[in-house]
Amino acid sequence: MKWLAVSLALVIILLQYRVWLSEDGVREVERLHKAVATQRSENQQLEERNRQLIAEVRDLKTGLEALEERARTELGMVASHETFYQVVPPQAPMPDVRSPSRTVASR
């Protein structure tokens, strides 16, 4: 009877070792939980991106406003009833070559 109790205790200890300390035990389960959480987060981001792309495609197919906005920003197009003005920033004044601060030494 004593040997039976010892052998059962030994089997329980070996099984607990596999659960807690082996590569397929609790550590692997925790690693898998973290991987699943990371993948879910990435999936949510991709789903949001897909929703935005679907809305953009729908706007481009049905509405002229989105198409016109894209033509203006990406292609630089102007409507036929509009006038295009390009504003050029002022340049810094060029130094005057004949200014009195420059002296030329003669020999």
PDB file of N, CA and C in Angstrom:
ATOM      1  N   MET A   1       0.813  -1.181   0.000  1.00  0.00           N
ATOM      2  CA  MET A   1       0.000   0.000   0.000  1.00  0.00           C
ATOM      3  C   MET A   1       0.863   1.253   0.000  1.00  0.00           C
ATOM      4  N   LYS A   2       1.998   1.157   0.709  1.00  0.00           N
ATOM      5  CA  LYS A   2       2.905   2.297   0.777  1.00  0.00           C
ATOM      6  C   LYS A   2       3.493   2.572  -0.600  1.00  0.00           C
ATOM      7  N   TRP A   3       3.825   1.517  -1.329  1.00  0.00           N
ATOM      8  CA  TRP A   3       4.420   1.681  -2.656  1.00  0.00           C
ATOM      9  C   TRP A   3       3.415   2.270  -3.636  1.00  0.00           C
ATOM     10  N   LEU A   4       2.175   1.944  -3.478  1.00  0.00           N
ATOM     11  CA  LEU A   4       1.141   2.488  -4.337  1.00  0.00           C
ATOM     12  C   LEU A   4       0.998   4.003  -4.137  1.00  0.00           C
ATOM     13  N   ALA A   5       1.025   4.428  -2.877  1.00  0.00           N
ATOM     14  CA  ALA A   5       0.919   5.861  -2.578  1.00  0.00           C
ATOM     15  C   ALA A   5       2.130   6.613  -3.120  1.00  0.00           C
ATOM     16  N   VAL A   6       3.325   6.028  -2.989  1.00  0.00           N
ATOM     17  CA  VAL A   6       4.554   6.659  -3.482  1.00  0.00           C
ATOM     18  C   VAL A   6       4.511   6.738  -5.003  1.00  0.00           C
ATOM     19  N   SER A   7       4.085   5.701  -5.654  1.00  0.00           N
ATOM     20  CA  SER A   7       4.048   5.702  -7.121  1.00  0.00           C
ATOM     21  C   SER A   7       2.993   6.699  -7.641  1.00  0.00           C
ATOM     22  N   LEU A   8       1.840   6.789  -6.961  1.00  0.00           N
ATOM     23  CA  LEU A   8       0.834   7.772  -7.355  1.00  0.00           C
ATOM     24  C   LEU A   8       1.350   9.193  -7.145  1.00  0.00           C
ATOM     25  N   ALA A   9       2.048   9.460  -6.073  1.00  0.00           N
ATOM     26  CA  ALA A   9       2.637  10.772  -5.817  1.00  0.00           C
ATOM     27  C   ALA A   9       3.676  11.096  -6.889  1.00  0.00           C
ATOM     28  N   LEU A  10       4.474  10.120  -7.271  1.00  0.00           N
ATOM     29  CA  LEU A  10       5.483  10.318  -8.317  1.00  0.00           C
ATOM     30  C   LEU A  10       4.822  10.635  -9.662  1.00  0.00           C
ATOM     31  N   VAL A  11       3.737   9.956  -9.989  1.00  0.00           N
ATOM     32  CA  VAL A  11       3.022  10.220 -11.243  1.00  0.00           C
ATOM     33  C   VAL A  11       2.431  11.626 -11.229  1.00  0.00           C
ATOM     34  N   ILE A  12       1.881  12.025 -10.107  1.00  0.00           N
ATOM     35  CA  ILE A  12       1.304  13.372  -9.987  1.00  0.00           C
ATOM     36  C   ILE A  12       2.395  14.419 -10.143  1.00  0.00           C
ATOM     37  N   ILE A  13       3.541  14.199  -9.538  1.00  0.00           N
ATOM     38  CA  ILE A  13       4.665  15.144  -9.653  1.00  0.00           C
ATOM     39  C   ILE A  13       5.133  15.240 -11.101  1.00  0.00           C
ATOM     40  N   LEU A  14       5.244  14.131 -11.787  1.00  0.00           N
ATOM     41  CA  LEU A  14       5.669  14.154 -13.187  1.00  0.00           C
ATOM     42  C   LEU A  14       4.656  14.878 -14.074  1.00  0.00           C
ATOM     43  N   LEU A  15       3.376  14.662 -13.824  1.00  0.00           N
ATOM     44  CA  LEU A  15       2.359  15.351 -14.609  1.00  0.00           C
ATOM     45  C   LEU A  15       2.373  16.861 -14.336  1.00  0.00           C
ATOM     46  N   GLN A  16       2.569  17.247 -13.097  1.00  0.00           N
ATOM     47  CA  GLN A  16       2.650  18.658 -12.752  1.00  0.00           C
ATOM     48  C   GLN A  16       3.882  19.304 -13.397  1.00  0.00           C
ATOM     49  N   TYR A  17       4.967  18.555 -13.465  1.00  0.00           N
ATOM     50  CA  TYR A  17       6.168  19.065 -14.120  1.00  0.00           C
ATOM     51  C   TYR A  17       5.867  19.383 -15.591  1.00  0.00           C
ATOM     52  N   ARG A  18       5.183  18.464 -16.266  1.00  0.00           N
ATOM     53  CA  ARG A  18       4.860  18.687 -17.681  1.00  0.00           C
ATOM     54  C   ARG A  18       3.942  19.885 -17.852  1.00  0.00           C
ATOM     55  N   VAL A  19       3.016  20.074 -16.927  1.00  0.00           N
ATOM     56  CA  VAL A  19       2.074  21.188 -17.057  1.00  0.00           C
ATOM     57  C   VAL A  19       2.776  22.525 -16.828  1.00  0.00           C
ATOM     58  N   TRP A  20       3.592  22.625 -15.794  1.00  0.00           N
ATOM     59  CA  TRP A  20       4.142  23.913 -15.394  1.00  0.00           C
ATOM     60  C   TRP A  20       5.495  24.238 -16.018  1.00  0.00           C
ATOM     61  N   LEU A  21       6.328  23.256 -16.271  1.00  0.00           N
ATOM     62  CA  LEU A  21       7.701  23.561 -16.657  1.00  0.00           C
ATOM     63  C   LEU A  21       8.084  23.145 -18.075  1.00  0.00           C
ATOM     64  N   SER A  22       7.318  22.328 -18.726  1.00  0.00           N
ATOM     65  CA  SER A  22       7.716  21.887 -20.067  1.00  0.00           C
ATOM     66  C   SER A  22       7.378  22.965 -21.098  1.00  0.00           C
ATOM     67  N   GLU A  23       7.877  22.783 -22.319  1.00  0.00           N
ATOM     68  CA  GLU A  23       7.641  23.742 -23.391  1.00  0.00           C
ATOM     69  C   GLU A  23       6.182  23.770 -23.829  1.00  0.00           C
ATOM     70  N   ASP A  24       5.463  22.693 -23.660  1.00  0.00           N
ATOM     71  CA  ASP A  24       4.065  22.618 -24.063  1.00  0.00           C
ATOM     72  C   ASP A  24       3.105  22.959 -22.933  1.00  0.00           C
ATOM     73  N   GLY A  25       3.596  23.485 -21.860  1.00  0.00           N
ATOM     74  CA  GLY A  25       2.759  23.722 -20.694  1.00  0.00           C
ATOM     75  C   GLY A  25       2.183  25.122 -20.648  1.00  0.00           C
ATOM     76  N   VAL A  26       2.154  25.658 -19.452  1.00  0.00           N
ATOM     77  CA  VAL A  26       1.521  26.943 -19.171  1.00  0.00           C
ATOM     78  C   VAL A  26       2.212  28.082 -19.930  1.00  0.00           C
ATOM     79  N   ARG A  27       3.523  28.034 -20.056  1.00  0.00           N
ATOM     80  CA  ARG A  27       4.236  29.103 -20.768  1.00  0.00           C
ATOM     81  C   ARG A  27       3.810  29.186 -22.225  1.00  0.00           C
ATOM     82  N   GLU A  28       3.626  28.039 -22.853  1.00  0.00           N
ATOM     83  CA  GLU A  28       3.185  28.022 -24.250  1.00  0.00           C
ATOM     84  C   GLU A  28       1.772  28.582 -24.380  1.00  0.00           C
ATOM     85  N   VAL A  29       0.917  28.262 -23.438  1.00  0.00           N
ATOM     86  CA  VAL A  29      -0.456  28.772 -23.460  1.00  0.00           C
ATOM     87  C   VAL A  29      -0.443  30.293 -23.318  1.00  0.00           C
ATOM     88  N   GLU A  30       0.376  30.822 -22.427  1.00  0.00           N
ATOM     89  CA  GLU A  30       0.489  32.274 -22.256  1.00  0.00           C
ATOM     90  C   GLU A  30       1.022  32.941 -23.527  1.00  0.00           C
ATOM     91  N   ARG A  31       2.010  32.312 -24.147  1.00  0.00           N
ATOM     92  CA  ARG A  31       2.565  32.861 -25.380  1.00  0.00           C
ATOM     93  C   ARG A  31       1.495  32.895 -26.475  1.00  0.00           C
ATOM     94  N   LEU A  32       0.704  31.845 -26.545  1.00  0.00           N
ATOM     95  CA  LEU A  32      -0.362  31.791 -27.540  1.00  0.00           C
ATOM     96  C   LEU A  32      -1.443  32.831 -27.258  1.00  0.00           C
ATOM     97  N   HIS A  33      -1.760  33.064 -25.989  1.00  0.00           N
ATOM     98  CA  HIS A  33      -2.737  34.100 -25.643  1.00  0.00           C
ATOM     99  C   HIS A  33      -2.244  35.471 -26.097  1.00  0.00           C
ATOM    100  N   LYS A  34      -0.967  35.753 -25.889  1.00  0.00           N
ATOM    101  CA  LYS A  34      -0.406  37.036 -26.312  1.00  0.00           C
ATOM    102  C   LYS A  34      -0.419  37.149 -27.843  1.00  0.00           C
ATOM    103  N   ALA A  35      -0.101  36.067 -28.526  1.00  0.00           N
ATOM    104  CA  ALA A  35      -0.114  36.090 -29.994  1.00  0.00           C
ATOM    105  C   ALA A  35      -1.523  36.329 -30.523  1.00  0.00           C
ATOM    106  N   VAL A  36      -2.515  35.729 -29.901  1.00  0.00           N
ATOM    107  CA  VAL A  36      -3.905  35.918 -30.319  1.00  0.00           C
ATOM    108  C   VAL A  36      -4.326  37.367 -30.077  1.00  0.00           C
ATOM    109  N   ALA A  37      -3.950  37.939 -28.931  1.00  0.00           N
ATOM    110  CA  ALA A  37      -4.297  39.332 -28.644  1.00  0.00           C
ATOM    111  C   ALA A  37      -3.645  40.275 -29.655  1.00  0.00           C
ATOM    112  N   THR A  38      -2.402  40.024 -30.001  1.00  0.00           N
ATOM    113  CA  THR A  38      -1.706  40.846 -30.996  1.00  0.00           C
ATOM    114  C   THR A  38      -2.387  40.736 -32.352  1.00  0.00           C
ATOM    115  N   GLN A  39      -2.756  39.533 -32.746  1.00  0.00           N
ATOM    116  CA  GLN A  39      -3.415  39.326 -34.036  1.00  0.00           C
ATOM    117  C   GLN A  39      -4.789  39.984 -34.062  1.00  0.00           C
ATOM    118  N   ARG A  40      -5.524  39.934 -32.967  1.00  0.00           N
ATOM    119  CA  ARG A  40      -6.834  40.589 -32.914  1.00  0.00           C
ATOM    120  C   ARG A  40      -6.689  42.097 -33.071  1.00  0.00           C
ATOM    121  N   SER A  41      -5.683  42.664 -32.425  1.00  0.00           N
ATOM    122  CA  SER A  41      -5.437  44.098 -32.538  1.00  0.00           C
ATOM    123  C   SER A  41      -5.113  44.477 -33.979  1.00  0.00           C
ATOM    124  N   GLU A  42      -4.266  43.704 -34.620  1.00  0.00           N
ATOM    125  CA  GLU A  42      -3.918  43.961 -36.016  1.00  0.00           C
ATOM    126  C   GLU A  42      -5.145  43.810 -36.920  1.00  0.00           C
ATOM    127  N   ASN A  43      -5.962  42.816 -36.638  1.00  0.00           N
ATOM    128  CA  ASN A  43      -7.184  42.610 -37.428  1.00  0.00           C
ATOM    129  C   ASN A  43      -8.135  43.797 -37.302  1.00  0.00           C
ATOM    130  N   GLN A  44      -8.260  44.357 -36.107  1.00  0.00           N
ATOM    131  CA  GLN A  44      -9.126  45.517 -35.916  1.00  0.00           C
ATOM    132  C   GLN A  44      -8.627  46.710 -36.723  1.00  0.00           C
ATOM    133  N   GLN A  45      -7.314  46.915 -36.725  1.00  0.00           N
ATOM    134  CA  GLN A  45      -6.750  48.018 -37.504  1.00  0.00           C
ATOM    135  C   GLN A  45      -7.008  47.813 -38.996  1.00  0.00           C
ATOM    136  N   LEU A  46      -6.836  46.588 -39.461  1.00  0.00           N
ATOM    137  CA  LEU A  46      -7.057  46.307 -40.880  1.00  0.00           C
ATOM    138  C   LEU A  46      -8.534  46.417 -41.252  1.00  0.00           C
ATOM    139  N   GLU A  47      -9.426  46.029 -40.347  1.00  0.00           N
ATOM    140  CA  GLU A  47     -10.854  46.173 -40.610  1.00  0.00           C
ATOM    141  C   GLU A  47     -11.235  47.645 -40.724  1.00  0.00           C
ATOM    142  N   GLU A  48     -10.664  48.482 -39.873  1.00  0.00           N
ATOM    143  CA  GLU A  48     -10.937  49.925 -39.944  1.00  0.00           C
ATOM    144  C   GLU A  48     -10.418  50.491 -41.267  1.00  0.00           C
ATOM    145  N   ARG A  49      -9.229  50.088 -41.665  1.00  0.00           N
ATOM    146  CA  ARG A  49      -8.667  50.536 -42.942  1.00  0.00           C
ATOM    147  C   ARG A  49      -9.552  50.084 -44.108  1.00  0.00           C
ATOM    148  N   ASN A  50     -10.038  48.850 -44.042  1.00  0.00           N
ATOM    149  CA  ASN A  50     -10.916  48.341 -45.095  1.00  0.00           C
ATOM    150  C   ASN A  50     -12.221  49.140 -45.159  1.00  0.00           C
ATOM    151  N   ARG A  51     -12.774  49.496 -43.998  1.00  0.00           N
ATOM    152  CA  ARG A  51     -13.996  50.300 -43.985  1.00  0.00           C
ATOM    153  C   ARG A  51     -13.758  51.658 -44.653  1.00  0.00           C
ATOM    154  N   GLN A  52     -12.607  52.265 -44.362  1.00  0.00           N
ATOM    155  CA  GLN A  52     -12.292  53.555 -44.973  1.00  0.00           C
ATOM    156  C   GLN A  52     -12.132  53.423 -46.484  1.00  0.00           C
ATOM    157  N   LEU A  53     -11.470  52.360 -46.919  1.00  0.00           N
ATOM    158  CA  LEU A  53     -11.284  52.153 -48.357  1.00  0.00           C
ATOM    159  C   LEU A  53     -12.612  51.881 -49.056  1.00  0.00           C
ATOM    160  N   ILE A  54     -13.480  51.122 -48.408  1.00  0.00           N
ATOM    161  CA  ILE A  54     -14.792  50.844 -48.990  1.00  0.00           C
ATOM    162  C   ILE A  54     -15.589  52.132 -49.122  1.00  0.00           C
ATOM    163  N   ALA A  55     -15.537  52.986 -48.105  1.00  0.00           N
ATOM    164  CA  ALA A  55     -16.246  54.268 -48.163  1.00  0.00           C
ATOM    165  C   ALA A  55     -15.673  55.148 -49.264  1.00  0.00           C
ATOM    166  N   GLU A  56     -14.358  55.153 -49.427  1.00  0.00           N
ATOM    167  CA  GLU A  56     -13.732  55.956 -50.479  1.00  0.00           C
ATOM    168  C   GLU A  56     -14.123  55.446 -51.869  1.00  0.00           C
ATOM    169  N   VAL A  57     -14.141  54.134 -52.042  1.00  0.00           N
ATOM    170  CA  VAL A  57     -14.546  53.556 -53.330  1.00  0.00           C
ATOM    171  C   VAL A  57     -15.995  53.907 -53.622  1.00  0.00           C
ATOM    172  N   ARG A  58     -16.860  53.806 -52.626  1.00  0.00           N
ATOM    173  CA  ARG A  58     -18.279  54.140 -52.810  1.00  0.00           C
ATOM    174  C   ARG A  58     -18.426  55.611 -53.208  1.00  0.00           C
ATOM    175  N   ASP A  59     -17.663  56.502 -52.553  1.00  0.00           N
ATOM    176  CA  ASP A  59     -17.723  57.925 -52.897  1.00  0.00           C
ATOM    177  C   ASP A  59     -17.241  58.171 -54.320  1.00  0.00           C
ATOM    178  N   LEU A  60     -16.177  57.486 -54.712  1.00  0.00           N
ATOM    179  CA  LEU A  60     -15.650  57.684 -56.063  1.00  0.00           C
ATOM    180  C   LEU A  60     -16.609  57.150 -57.122  1.00  0.00           C
ATOM    181  N   LYS A  61     -17.329  56.087 -56.813  1.00  0.00           N
ATOM    182  CA  LYS A  61     -18.263  55.512 -57.786  1.00  0.00           C
ATOM    183  C   LYS A  61     -19.539  56.333 -57.911  1.00  0.00           C
ATOM    184  N   THR A  62     -20.017  56.911 -56.812  1.00  0.00           N
ATOM    185  CA  THR A  62     -21.325  57.563 -56.838  1.00  0.00           C
ATOM    186  C   THR A  62     -21.246  59.080 -56.856  1.00  0.00           C
ATOM    187  N   GLY A  63     -20.336  59.663 -56.117  1.00  0.00           N
ATOM    188  CA  GLY A  63     -20.317  61.115 -55.993  1.00  0.00           C
ATOM    189  C   GLY A  63     -19.219  61.755 -56.814  1.00  0.00           C
ATOM    190  N   LEU A  64     -19.540  62.899 -57.396  1.00  0.00           N
ATOM    191  CA  LEU A  64     -18.550  63.622 -58.178  1.00  0.00           C
ATOM    192  C   LEU A  64     -17.632  64.458 -57.303  1.00  0.00           C
ATOM    193  N   GLU A  65     -18.060  64.761 -56.073  1.00  0.00           N
ATOM    194  CA  GLU A  65     -17.255  65.610 -55.194  1.00  0.00           C
ATOM    195  C   GLU A  65     -15.934  64.941 -54.836  1.00  0.00           C
ATOM    196  N   ALA A  66     -15.974  63.667 -54.493  1.00  0.00           N
ATOM    197  CA  ALA A  66     -14.741  62.967 -54.135  1.00  0.00           C
ATOM    198  C   ALA A  66     -13.826  62.850 -55.343  1.00  0.00           C
ATOM    199  N   LEU A  67     -14.411  62.592 -56.500  1.00  0.00           N
ATOM    200  CA  LEU A  67     -13.619  62.491 -57.721  1.00  0.00           C
ATOM    201  C   LEU A  67     -12.972  63.833 -58.059  1.00  0.00           C
ATOM    202  N   GLU A  68     -13.733  64.907 -57.908  1.00  0.00           N
ATOM    203  CA  GLU A  68     -13.209  66.237 -58.186  1.00  0.00           C
ATOM    204  C   GLU A  68     -12.097  66.610 -57.195  1.00  0.00           C
ATOM    205  N   GLU A  69     -12.301  66.268 -55.929  1.00  0.00           N
ATOM    206  CA  GLU A  69     -11.280  66.558 -54.916  1.00  0.00           C
ATOM    207  C   GLU A  69      -9.980  65.829 -55.230  1.00  0.00           C
ATOM    208  N   ARG A  70     -10.097  64.571 -55.621  1.00  0.00           N
ATOM    209  CA  ARG A  70      -8.914  63.791 -55.964  1.00  0.00           C
ATOM    210  C   ARG A  70      -8.206  64.365 -57.189  1.00  0.00           C
ATOM    211  N   ALA A  71      -8.968  64.785 -58.188  1.00  0.00           N
ATOM    212  CA  ALA A  71      -8.377  65.373 -59.390  1.00  0.00           C
ATOM    213  C   ALA A  71      -7.634  66.657 -59.050  1.00  0.00           C
ATOM    214  N   ARG A  72      -8.176  67.439 -58.131  1.00  0.00           N
ATOM    215  CA  ARG A  72      -7.512  68.685 -57.739  1.00  0.00           C
ATOM    216  C   ARG A  72      -6.225  68.427 -56.966  1.00  0.00           C
ATOM    217  N   THR A  73      -6.299  67.558 -55.963  1.00  0.00           N
ATOM    218  CA  THR A  73      -5.141  67.377 -55.088  1.00  0.00           C
ATOM    219  C   THR A  73      -4.042  66.536 -55.714  1.00  0.00           C
ATOM    220  N   GLU A  74      -4.413  65.462 -56.406  1.00  0.00           N
ATOM    221  CA  GLU A  74      -3.385  64.556 -56.918  1.00  0.00           C
ATOM    222  C   GLU A  74      -2.922  64.905 -58.317  1.00  0.00           C
ATOM    223  N   LEU A  75      -3.802  65.459 -59.133  1.00  0.00           N
ATOM    224  CA  LEU A  75      -3.452  65.734 -60.525  1.00  0.00           C
ATOM    225  C   LEU A  75      -3.294  67.216 -60.823  1.00  0.00           C
ATOM    226  N   GLY A  76      -3.677  68.080 -59.878  1.00  0.00           N
ATOM    227  CA  GLY A  76      -3.541  69.518 -60.081  1.00  0.00           C
ATOM    228  C   GLY A  76      -4.505  70.068 -61.117  1.00  0.00           C
ATOM    229  N   MET A  77      -5.647  69.456 -61.289  1.00  0.00           N
ATOM    230  CA  MET A  77      -6.607  69.887 -62.306  1.00  0.00           C
ATOM    231  C   MET A  77      -7.433  71.071 -61.802  1.00  0.00           C
ATOM    232  N   VAL A  78      -7.924  71.865 -62.752  1.00  0.00           N
ATOM    233  CA  VAL A  78      -8.733  73.044 -62.466  1.00  0.00           C
ATOM    234  C   VAL A  78      -9.998  72.944 -63.314  1.00  0.00           C
ATOM    235  N   ALA A  79     -11.127  73.352 -62.749  1.00  0.00           N
ATOM    236  CA  ALA A  79     -12.390  73.303 -63.488  1.00  0.00           C
ATOM    237  C   ALA A  79     -12.382  74.354 -64.597  1.00  0.00           C
ATOM    238  N   SER A  80     -13.256  74.167 -65.576  1.00  0.00           N
ATOM    239  CA  SER A  80     -13.263  75.053 -66.751  1.00  0.00           C
ATOM    240  C   SER A  80     -13.693  76.478 -66.397  1.00  0.00           C
ATOM    241  N   HIS A  81     -14.488  76.660 -65.379  1.00  0.00           N
ATOM    242  CA  HIS A  81     -14.960  77.995 -65.013  1.00  0.00           C
ATOM    243  C   HIS A  81     -14.060  78.655 -63.966  1.00  0.00           C
ATOM    244  N   GLU A  82     -12.949  78.078 -63.649  1.00  0.00           N
ATOM    245  CA  GLU A  82     -12.045  78.614 -62.636  1.00  0.00           C
ATOM    246  C   GLU A  82     -10.797  79.189 -63.289  1.00  0.00           C
ATOM    247  N   THR A  83     -10.123  80.080 -62.564  1.00  0.00           N
ATOM    248  CA  THR A  83      -8.860  80.641 -63.009  1.00  0.00           C
ATOM    249  C   THR A  83      -7.776  80.175 -62.050  1.00  0.00           C
ATOM    250  N   PHE A  84      -6.695  79.701 -62.595  1.00  0.00           N
ATOM    251  CA  PHE A  84      -5.597  79.185 -61.777  1.00  0.00           C
ATOM    252  C   PHE A  84      -4.613  80.312 -61.487  1.00  0.00           C
ATOM    253  N   TYR A  85      -4.301  80.499 -60.225  1.00  0.00           N
ATOM    254  CA  TYR A  85      -3.301  81.480 -59.808  1.00  0.00           C
ATOM    255  C   TYR A  85      -2.216  80.739 -59.048  1.00  0.00           C
ATOM    256  N   GLN A  86      -0.983  81.040 -59.366  1.00  0.00           N
ATOM    257  CA  GLN A  86       0.136  80.447 -58.636  1.00  0.00           C
ATOM    258  C   GLN A  86       0.840  81.565 -57.902  1.00  0.00           C
ATOM    259  N   VAL A  87       0.919  81.443 -56.588  1.00  0.00           N
ATOM    260  CA  VAL A  87       1.556  82.457 -55.759  1.00  0.00           C
ATOM    261  C   VAL A  87       2.991  82.026 -55.510  1.00  0.00           C
ATOM    262  N   VAL A  88       3.910  82.891 -55.915  1.00  0.00           N
ATOM    263  CA  VAL A  88       5.332  82.596 -55.750  1.00  0.00           C
ATOM    264  C   VAL A  88       5.841  83.434 -54.590  1.00  0.00           C
ATOM    265  N   PRO A  89       6.488  82.826 -53.604  1.00  0.00           N
ATOM    266  CA  PRO A  89       6.997  83.619 -52.479  1.00  0.00           C
ATOM    267  C   PRO A  89       8.106  84.561 -52.956  1.00  0.00           C
ATOM    268  N   PRO A  90       8.201  85.733 -52.324  1.00  0.00           N
ATOM    269  CA  PRO A  90       9.241  86.684 -52.754  1.00  0.00           C
ATOM    270  C   PRO A  90      10.628  86.120 -52.459  1.00  0.00           C
ATOM    271  N   GLN A  91      11.534  86.422 -53.356  1.00  0.00           N
ATOM    272  CA  GLN A  91      12.907  85.970 -53.161  1.00  0.00           C
ATOM    273  C   GLN A  91      13.648  86.983 -52.294  1.00  0.00           C
ATOM    274  N   ALA A  92      14.701  86.533 -51.663  1.00  0.00           N
ATOM    275  CA  ALA A  92      15.538  87.437 -50.870  1.00  0.00           C
ATOM    276  C   ALA A  92      16.243  88.391 -51.830  1.00  0.00           C
ATOM    277  N   PRO A  93      16.389  89.650 -51.433  1.00  0.00           N
ATOM    278  CA  PRO A  93      17.040  90.611 -52.342  1.00  0.00           C
ATOM    279  C   PRO A  93      18.492  90.201 -52.608  1.00  0.00           C
ATOM    280  N   MET A  94      18.881  90.367 -53.845  1.00  0.00           N
ATOM    281  CA  MET A  94      20.253  90.056 -54.253  1.00  0.00           C
ATOM    282  C   MET A  94      21.157  91.193 -53.802  1.00  0.00           C
ATOM    283  N   PRO A  95      22.358  90.885 -53.323  1.00  0.00           N
ATOM    284  CA  PRO A  95      23.272  91.974 -52.941  1.00  0.00           C
ATOM    285  C   PRO A  95      23.707  92.756 -54.193  1.00  0.00           C
ATOM    286  N   ASP A  96      23.780  94.056 -54.029  1.00  0.00           N
ATOM    287  CA  ASP A  96      24.171  94.923 -55.147  1.00  0.00           C
ATOM    288  C   ASP A  96      25.670  94.812 -55.342  1.00  0.00           C
ATOM    289  N   VAL A  97      26.075  94.517 -56.550  1.00  0.00           N
ATOM    290  CA  VAL A  97      27.500  94.333 -56.848  1.00  0.00           C
ATOM    291  C   VAL A  97      28.228  95.666 -56.794  1.00  0.00           C
ATOM    292  N   ARG A  98      27.537  96.747 -57.099  1.00  0.00           N
ATOM    293  CA  ARG A  98      28.177  98.066 -57.144  1.00  0.00           C
ATOM    294  C   ARG A  98      28.024  98.816 -55.830  1.00  0.00           C
ATOM    295  N   SER A  99      27.748  98.139 -54.751  1.00  0.00           N
ATOM    296  CA  SER A  99      27.540  98.842 -53.486  1.00  0.00           C
ATOM    297  C   SER A  99      28.848  99.426 -52.977  1.00  0.00           C
ATOM    298  N   PRO A 100      28.777 100.545 -52.233  1.00  0.00           N
ATOM    299  CA  PRO A 100      29.996 101.194 -51.750  1.00  0.00           C
ATOM    300  C   PRO A 100      30.728 100.385 -50.688  1.00  0.00           C
ATOM    301  N   SER A 101      30.081  99.392 -50.117  1.00  0.00           N
ATOM    302  CA  SER A 101      30.766  98.610 -49.073  1.00  0.00           C
ATOM    303  C   SER A 101      31.841  97.718 -49.658  1.00  0.00           C
ATOM    304  N   ARG A 102      31.802  97.514 -50.960  1.00  0.00           N
ATOM    305  CA  ARG A 102      32.813  96.700 -51.623  1.00  0.00           C
ATOM    306  C   ARG A 102      33.838  97.611 -52.259  1.00  0.00           C
ATOM    307  N   THR A 103      35.025  97.442 -51.877  1.00  0.00           N
ATOM    308  CA  THR A 103      36.085  98.245 -52.475  1.00  0.00           C
ATOM    309  C   THR A 103      37.018  97.360 -53.251  1.00  0.00           C
ATOM    310  N   VAL A 104      37.509  97.888 -54.350  1.00  0.00           N
ATOM    311  CA  VAL A 104      38.437  97.149 -55.177  1.00  0.00           C
ATOM    312  C   VAL A 104      39.794  97.809 -55.040  1.00  0.00           C
ATOM    313  N   ALA A 105      40.765  97.024 -54.699  1.00  0.00           N
ATOM    314  CA  ALA A 105      42.110  97.578 -54.518  1.00  0.00           C
ATOM    315  C   ALA A 105      42.776  97.672 -55.897  1.00  0.00           C
ATOM    316  N   SER A 106      43.395  98.819 -56.159  1.00  0.00           N
ATOM    317  CA  SER A 106      44.083  98.983 -57.426  1.00  0.00           C
ATOM    318  C   SER A 106      45.572  98.878 -57.209  1.00  0.00           C
ATOM    319  N   ARG A 107      46.281  98.471 -58.208  1.00  0.00           N
ATOM    320  CA  ARG A 107      47.740  98.331 -58.081  1.00  0.00           C
ATOM    321  C   ARG A 107      48.442  99.361 -58.865  1.00  0.00           C
TER     322      ARG A 107
END
